[in-house]
Amino acid sequence: MDGQTYNTSGKDGGSLSVGDASKTGFYQRKFLDESLTDYTNIDAKRSSTPWVVFRLAEIYLNRAEACMELNRHLDVALKDINEIRGRAGIKLLTAGNLTLDKVRHERKVELAFEKHRYWDLKRWRLAHLDVSKGGLTNFRGTALCPYYNVKSGKYTFETGVPEKRKRLFLEKNYYTVFRAEDLSTNPLMVQNPGYGN
C-alpha cells in the first residue's frame, strides 16, 4: 500500500508458525527473558531459563491448603499465606479471615499462567460446575483484539469473545476411561463412572 509492504498475520497474531497461537496477538510475559528485544526468530531467541516447575510459593500454598483441609495447624497455614502476601507487598491476613476459599483464591492469583488452575479445579471437584459458580463448564473468556489501520498508522483495540466453543467439563472427566483390554485382565475390575460398562 502506497509503496510499502505490510505483513498481515490474521486472527492468530504474529506467531502463526508457533502452533497454538493467541487469537488476539497478545501473550503473557511471566518468566519471559526481558533482555530480549527481537522475537521475530523465536527459535533462536528463546530464553535460556528453564520453565519453573516447582516454586517455593507453590510449596507454601500446598501446605496451607493441606492444613485447611485437615482443619489442623491453622497457624502454619496463616504463616504460609502471609509469607507469599508479604513478599508481594499485599496486606497480611489475620487468623479470623483465613478460610479454605481464601487459600484457593491465593493459589489462583499466585500461580496464574503457570498451568495449575485446570488441575486445581479438577482436584477440588469443581471443574464440572458452571463458570458462574467457579467451575470450567461454559467458560469462553473474552479477548482484547488489536487492529492496525495502515492508513492512519494507529491501533484500535476492541473487546470481544474469542472464536472458540464454550468449554464443557463433564463429571466423568474426573476419571480416565479404562480400555477393554485393561478390563479383560481382571474380572473384578469395573469401568470408571460415566463411561458405561
C-alpha atoms as a PDB file:
ATOM      1  CA  MET A   1       0.000   0.000   0.000  1.00  0.00           C
ATOM      2  CA  ASP A   2       1.468   3.370  -1.039  1.00  0.00           C
ATOM      3  CA  GLY A   3       4.718   1.619  -1.965  1.00  0.00           C
ATOM      4  CA  GLN A   4       5.129  -0.080   1.409  1.00  0.00           C
ATOM      5  CA  THR A   5       4.790  -3.814   2.082  1.00  0.00           C
ATOM      6  CA  TYR A   6       2.857  -4.926   5.158  1.00  0.00           C
ATOM      7  CA  ASN A   7       2.866  -8.410   6.619  1.00  0.00           C
ATOM      8  CA  THR A   8      -0.546  -9.449   7.817  1.00  0.00           C
ATOM      9  CA  SER A   9      -0.934 -12.137  10.388  1.00  0.00           C
ATOM     10  CA  GLY A  10      -4.675 -12.569  10.740  1.00  0.00           C
ATOM     11  CA  LYS A  11      -6.547 -13.699  13.798  1.00  0.00           C
ATOM     12  CA  ASP A  12      -3.599 -15.654  15.228  1.00  0.00           C
ATOM     13  CA  GLY A  13      -1.388 -12.675  15.891  1.00  0.00           C
ATOM     14  CA  GLY A  14       2.252 -12.641  14.861  1.00  0.00           C
ATOM     15  CA  SER A  15       3.214 -16.207  15.735  1.00  0.00           C
ATOM     16  CA  LEU A  16       1.415 -18.341  13.183  1.00  0.00           C
ATOM     17  CA  SER A  17       4.197 -20.895  12.997  1.00  0.00           C
ATOM     18  CA  VAL A  18       4.443 -21.476  16.756  1.00  0.00           C
ATOM     19  CA  GLY A  19       1.373 -23.717  16.988  1.00  0.00           C
ATOM     20  CA  ASP A  20      -1.473 -22.783  19.292  1.00  0.00           C
ATOM     21  CA  ALA A  21      -1.015 -19.055  18.815  1.00  0.00           C
ATOM     22  CA  SER A  22      -3.007 -16.374  20.605  1.00  0.00           C
ATOM     23  CA  LYS A  23      -6.206 -15.346  18.841  1.00  0.00           C
ATOM     24  CA  THR A  24      -5.544 -11.749  19.903  1.00  0.00           C
ATOM     25  CA  GLY A  25      -1.821 -11.433  19.291  1.00  0.00           C
ATOM     26  CA  PHE A  26      -1.227 -10.767  22.993  1.00  0.00           C
ATOM     27  CA  TYR A  27       0.773 -13.102  25.200  1.00  0.00           C
ATOM     28  CA  GLN A  28       1.600 -13.207  28.888  1.00  0.00           C
ATOM     29  CA  ARG A  29       5.101 -12.229  29.919  1.00  0.00           C
ATOM     30  CA  LYS A  30       5.535 -14.323  33.054  1.00  0.00           C
ATOM     31  CA  PHE A  31       9.004 -15.936  33.135  1.00  0.00           C
ATOM     32  CA  LEU A  32       9.931 -14.218  29.859  1.00  0.00           C
ATOM     33  CA  ASP A  33      13.522 -13.131  29.317  1.00  0.00           C
ATOM     34  CA  GLU A  34      13.070  -9.339  29.463  1.00  0.00           C
ATOM     35  CA  SER A  35      16.510  -8.714  27.948  1.00  0.00           C
ATOM     36  CA  LEU A  36      15.325  -9.955  24.530  1.00  0.00           C
ATOM     37  CA  THR A  37      14.147  -7.229  22.170  1.00  0.00           C
ATOM     38  CA  ASP A  38      13.575  -9.123  18.917  1.00  0.00           C
ATOM     39  CA  TYR A  39      11.180 -12.061  18.852  1.00  0.00           C
ATOM     40  CA  THR A  40      10.994 -12.437  15.072  1.00  0.00           C
ATOM     41  CA  ASN A  41      13.001 -15.669  15.149  1.00  0.00           C
ATOM     42  CA  ILE A  42      11.517 -17.261  18.239  1.00  0.00           C
ATOM     43  CA  ASP A  43      13.595 -20.452  17.987  1.00  0.00           C
ATOM     44  CA  ALA A  44      16.862 -18.501  18.033  1.00  0.00           C
ATOM     45  CA  LYS A  45      15.711 -16.090  20.723  1.00  0.00           C
ATOM     46  CA  ARG A  46      14.203 -18.373  23.340  1.00  0.00           C
ATOM     47  CA  SER A  47      15.054 -17.735  26.951  1.00  0.00           C
ATOM     48  CA  SER A  48      17.749 -19.997  28.346  1.00  0.00           C
ATOM     49  CA  THR A  49      15.882 -20.069  31.666  1.00  0.00           C
ATOM     50  CA  PRO A  50      14.072 -23.399  32.118  1.00  0.00           C
ATOM     51  CA  TRP A  51      10.333 -23.378  32.801  1.00  0.00           C
ATOM     52  CA  VAL A  52       9.750 -23.244  36.545  1.00  0.00           C
ATOM     53  CA  VAL A  53       8.018 -26.441  37.677  1.00  0.00           C
ATOM     54  CA  PHE A  54       8.171 -26.021  41.453  1.00  0.00           C
ATOM     55  CA  ARG A  55       8.297 -22.699  43.240  1.00  0.00           C
ATOM     56  CA  LEU A  56       8.589 -22.030  46.948  1.00  0.00           C
ATOM     57  CA  ALA A  57       5.289 -20.134  46.805  1.00  0.00           C
ATOM     58  CA  GLU A  58       3.537 -23.258  45.491  1.00  0.00           C
ATOM     59  CA  ILE A  59       5.017 -25.320  48.313  1.00  0.00           C
ATOM     60  CA  TYR A  60       3.675 -22.800  50.840  1.00  0.00           C
ATOM     61  CA  LEU A  61       0.283 -22.905  49.117  1.00  0.00           C
ATOM     62  CA  ASN A  62       0.227 -26.715  49.106  1.00  0.00           C
ATOM     63  CA  ARG A  63       0.954 -26.860  52.818  1.00  0.00           C
ATOM     64  CA  ALA A  64      -1.561 -24.109  53.654  1.00  0.00           C
ATOM     65  CA  GLU A  65      -4.256 -25.934  51.691  1.00  0.00           C
ATOM     66  CA  ALA A  66      -3.475 -29.249  53.409  1.00  0.00           C
ATOM     67  CA  CYS A  67      -3.676 -27.575  56.837  1.00  0.00           C
ATOM     68  CA  MET A  68      -7.035 -26.007  55.967  1.00  0.00           C
ATOM     69  CA  GLU A  69      -8.427 -29.275  54.574  1.00  0.00           C
ATOM     70  CA  LEU A  70      -7.382 -31.133  57.736  1.00  0.00           C
ATOM     71  CA  ASN A  71      -8.505 -28.245  59.973  1.00  0.00           C
ATOM     72  CA  ARG A  72      -5.204 -28.594  61.824  1.00  0.00           C
ATOM     73  CA  HIS A  73      -2.113 -26.402  62.138  1.00  0.00           C
ATOM     74  CA  LEU A  74      -4.082 -23.352  61.020  1.00  0.00           C
ATOM     75  CA  ASP A  75      -1.307 -21.135  62.401  1.00  0.00           C
ATOM     76  CA  VAL A  76       1.058 -22.752  59.861  1.00  0.00           C
ATOM     77  CA  ALA A  77      -1.448 -22.128  57.049  1.00  0.00           C
ATOM     78  CA  LEU A  78      -1.719 -18.471  58.037  1.00  0.00           C
ATOM     79  CA  LYS A  79       2.066 -18.104  58.198  1.00  0.00           C
ATOM     80  CA  ASP A  80       2.475 -19.699  54.758  1.00  0.00           C
ATOM     81  CA  ILE A  81      -0.152 -17.481  53.108  1.00  0.00           C
ATOM     82  CA  ASN A  82       1.268 -14.364  54.729  1.00  0.00           C
ATOM     83  CA  GLU A  83       4.766 -15.315  53.579  1.00  0.00           C
ATOM     84  CA  ILE A  84       3.521 -15.084  49.985  1.00  0.00           C
ATOM     85  CA  ARG A  85       1.418 -11.960  50.535  1.00  0.00           C
ATOM     86  CA  GLY A  86       4.250 -10.215  52.388  1.00  0.00           C
ATOM     87  CA  ARG A  87       6.729 -10.878  49.586  1.00  0.00           C
ATOM     88  CA  ALA A  88       4.233  -9.374  47.121  1.00  0.00           C
ATOM     89  CA  GLY A  89       3.552  -6.346  49.339  1.00  0.00           C
ATOM     90  CA  ILE A  90      -0.085  -7.320  49.903  1.00  0.00           C
ATOM     91  CA  LYS A  91      -1.897  -6.762  53.203  1.00  0.00           C
ATOM     92  CA  LEU A  92      -1.391  -9.732  55.527  1.00  0.00           C
ATOM     93  CA  LEU A  93      -4.314 -11.863  56.636  1.00  0.00           C
ATOM     94  CA  THR A  94      -5.379 -12.485  60.212  1.00  0.00           C
ATOM     95  CA  ALA A  95      -6.480 -15.807  61.677  1.00  0.00           C
ATOM     96  CA  GLY A  96     -10.091 -14.636  61.629  1.00  0.00           C
ATOM     97  CA  ASN A  97     -10.257 -14.176  57.862  1.00  0.00           C
ATOM     98  CA  LEU A  98      -8.329 -17.223  56.652  1.00  0.00           C
ATOM     99  CA  THR A  99     -10.613 -19.789  55.028  1.00  0.00           C
ATOM    100  CA  LEU A 100     -10.172 -22.639  52.565  1.00  0.00           C
ATOM    101  CA  ASP A 101     -11.744 -20.429  49.875  1.00  0.00           C
ATOM    102  CA  LYS A 102      -9.173 -17.716  50.652  1.00  0.00           C
ATOM    103  CA  VAL A 103      -6.314 -20.221  50.283  1.00  0.00           C
ATOM    104  CA  ARG A 104      -7.767 -21.393  46.963  1.00  0.00           C
ATOM    105  CA  HIS A 105      -8.015 -17.797  45.779  1.00  0.00           C
ATOM    106  CA  GLU A 106      -4.371 -17.238  46.742  1.00  0.00           C
ATOM    107  CA  ARG A 107      -3.451 -20.212  44.504  1.00  0.00           C
ATOM    108  CA  LYS A 108      -5.450 -18.725  41.628  1.00  0.00           C
ATOM    109  CA  VAL A 109      -3.656 -15.385  41.910  1.00  0.00           C
ATOM    110  CA  GLU A 110      -0.128 -16.532  42.760  1.00  0.00           C
ATOM    111  CA  LEU A 111       0.026 -19.345  40.207  1.00  0.00           C
ATOM    112  CA  ALA A 112      -1.699 -17.509  37.331  1.00  0.00           C
ATOM    113  CA  PHE A 113      -0.440 -18.545  33.880  1.00  0.00           C
ATOM    114  CA  GLU A 114       1.547 -21.463  35.317  1.00  0.00           C
ATOM    115  CA  LYS A 115      -0.837 -24.231  34.193  1.00  0.00           C
ATOM    116  CA  HIS A 116      -2.192 -25.102  37.647  1.00  0.00           C
ATOM    117  CA  ARG A 117      -5.784 -23.837  37.521  1.00  0.00           C
ATOM    118  CA  TYR A 118      -7.288 -26.698  35.486  1.00  0.00           C
ATOM    119  CA  TRP A 119      -5.694 -29.302  37.750  1.00  0.00           C
ATOM    120  CA  ASP A 120      -6.700 -27.433  40.912  1.00  0.00           C
ATOM    121  CA  LEU A 121     -10.362 -27.270  39.836  1.00  0.00           C
ATOM    122  CA  LYS A 122     -10.250 -30.935  38.873  1.00  0.00           C
ATOM    123  CA  ARG A 123      -8.662 -31.928  42.195  1.00  0.00           C
ATOM    124  CA  TRP A 124     -11.218 -29.897  44.158  1.00  0.00           C
ATOM    125  CA  ARG A 125     -14.067 -31.484  42.152  1.00  0.00           C
ATOM    126  CA  LEU A 126     -15.263 -28.049  40.999  1.00  0.00           C
ATOM    127  CA  ALA A 127     -14.415 -28.248  37.288  1.00  0.00           C
ATOM    128  CA  HIS A 128     -17.847 -29.603  36.250  1.00  0.00           C
ATOM    129  CA  LEU A 129     -19.634 -26.579  37.718  1.00  0.00           C
ATOM    130  CA  ASP A 130     -20.760 -23.695  35.551  1.00  0.00           C
ATOM    131  CA  VAL A 131     -18.226 -20.888  35.214  1.00  0.00           C
ATOM    132  CA  SER A 132     -20.619 -18.614  37.146  1.00  0.00           C
ATOM    133  CA  LYS A 133     -20.167 -20.960  40.117  1.00  0.00           C
ATOM    134  CA  GLY A 134     -16.386 -21.165  39.840  1.00  0.00           C
ATOM    135  CA  GLY A 135     -16.109 -24.160  37.504  1.00  0.00           C
ATOM    136  CA  LEU A 136     -14.944 -24.639  33.924  1.00  0.00           C
ATOM    137  CA  THR A 137     -18.207 -25.514  32.148  1.00  0.00           C
ATOM    138  CA  ASN A 138     -19.433 -22.804  29.754  1.00  0.00           C
ATOM    139  CA  PHE A 139     -16.157 -20.877  30.050  1.00  0.00           C
ATOM    140  CA  ARG A 140     -15.367 -18.970  26.906  1.00  0.00           C
ATOM    141  CA  GLY A 141     -13.451 -15.934  28.076  1.00  0.00           C
ATOM    142  CA  THR A 142     -13.081 -12.534  26.500  1.00  0.00           C
ATOM    143  CA  ALA A 143     -10.299 -11.019  24.465  1.00  0.00           C
ATOM    144  CA  LEU A 144      -8.737  -7.681  23.668  1.00  0.00           C
ATOM    145  CA  CYS A 145      -8.357  -7.630  19.889  1.00  0.00           C
ATOM    146  CA  PRO A 146      -5.957  -5.149  18.245  1.00  0.00           C
ATOM    147  CA  TYR A 147      -6.415  -3.868  14.710  1.00  0.00           C
ATOM    148  CA  TYR A 148      -3.792  -1.794  12.924  1.00  0.00           C
ATOM    149  CA  ASN A 149      -5.059   0.806  10.477  1.00  0.00           C
ATOM    150  CA  VAL A 150      -2.303   1.232   7.883  1.00  0.00           C
ATOM    151  CA  LYS A 151      -3.773   4.496   6.611  1.00  0.00           C
ATOM    152  CA  SER A 152      -3.897   6.265   9.976  1.00  0.00           C
ATOM    153  CA  GLY A 153      -0.938   4.377  11.452  1.00  0.00           C
ATOM    154  CA  LYS A 154      -2.896   3.734  14.633  1.00  0.00           C
ATOM    155  CA  TYR A 155      -4.124   0.690  16.513  1.00  0.00           C
ATOM    156  CA  THR A 156      -7.727   0.156  17.528  1.00  0.00           C
ATOM    157  CA  PHE A 157      -8.459  -2.147  20.425  1.00  0.00           C
ATOM    158  CA  GLU A 158     -11.821  -3.856  20.804  1.00  0.00           C
ATOM    159  CA  THR A 159     -13.037  -6.254  23.439  1.00  0.00           C
ATOM    160  CA  GLY A 160     -14.799  -9.309  22.174  1.00  0.00           C
ATOM    161  CA  VAL A 161     -15.422 -13.002  22.526  1.00  0.00           C
ATOM    162  CA  PRO A 162     -12.758 -15.316  21.048  1.00  0.00           C
ATOM    163  CA  GLU A 163     -13.854 -17.562  18.228  1.00  0.00           C
ATOM    164  CA  LYS A 164     -13.927 -20.792  20.135  1.00  0.00           C
ATOM    165  CA  ARG A 165     -16.568 -23.016  21.652  1.00  0.00           C
ATOM    166  CA  LYS A 166     -17.581 -22.880  25.248  1.00  0.00           C
ATOM    167  CA  ARG A 167     -15.722 -25.329  27.453  1.00  0.00           C
ATOM    168  CA  LEU A 168     -17.616 -28.375  28.733  1.00  0.00           C
ATOM    169  CA  PHE A 169     -16.314 -30.418  31.647  1.00  0.00           C
ATOM    170  CA  LEU A 170     -18.424 -33.477  32.471  1.00  0.00           C
ATOM    171  CA  GLU A 171     -18.302 -35.228  35.843  1.00  0.00           C
ATOM    172  CA  LYS A 172     -16.894 -38.332  34.134  1.00  0.00           C
ATOM    173  CA  ASN A 173     -13.869 -36.220  33.113  1.00  0.00           C
ATOM    174  CA  TYR A 174     -12.581 -36.538  36.672  1.00  0.00           C
ATOM    175  CA  TYR A 175     -11.709 -40.130  35.778  1.00  0.00           C
ATOM    176  CA  THR A 176      -9.867 -41.911  32.997  1.00  0.00           C
ATOM    177  CA  VAL A 177     -11.658 -44.446  30.828  1.00  0.00           C
ATOM    178  CA  PHE A 178     -10.314 -47.989  31.036  1.00  0.00           C
ATOM    179  CA  ARG A 179      -9.661 -49.742  27.725  1.00  0.00           C
ATOM    180  CA  ALA A 180     -11.431 -53.051  27.080  1.00  0.00           C
ATOM    181  CA  GLU A 181      -8.038 -54.792  27.208  1.00  0.00           C
ATOM    182  CA  ASP A 182      -7.457 -53.393  30.712  1.00  0.00           C
ATOM    183  CA  LEU A 183     -10.851 -54.553  31.955  1.00  0.00           C
ATOM    184  CA  SER A 184     -10.394 -58.041  30.489  1.00  0.00           C
ATOM    185  CA  THR A 185      -7.261 -58.643  32.563  1.00  0.00           C
ATOM    186  CA  ASN A 186      -9.222 -58.684  35.821  1.00  0.00           C
ATOM    187  CA  PRO A 187     -12.871 -59.803  36.111  1.00  0.00           C
ATOM    188  CA  LEU A 188     -13.269 -57.769  39.337  1.00  0.00           C
ATOM    189  CA  MET A 189     -12.274 -54.525  37.628  1.00  0.00           C
ATOM    190  CA  VAL A 190     -15.133 -52.175  36.642  1.00  0.00           C
ATOM    191  CA  GLN A 191     -15.246 -49.206  34.322  1.00  0.00           C
ATOM    192  CA  ASN A 192     -14.934 -45.753  35.874  1.00  0.00           C
ATOM    193  CA  PRO A 193     -18.173 -43.815  36.440  1.00  0.00           C
ATOM    194  CA  GLY A 194     -19.699 -42.212  33.366  1.00  0.00           C
ATOM    195  CA  TYR A 195     -18.048 -44.488  30.793  1.00  0.00           C
ATOM    196  CA  GLY A 196     -20.509 -47.372  30.744  1.00  0.00           C
ATOM    197  CA  ASN A 197     -19.556 -50.971  31.385  1.00  0.00           C
END
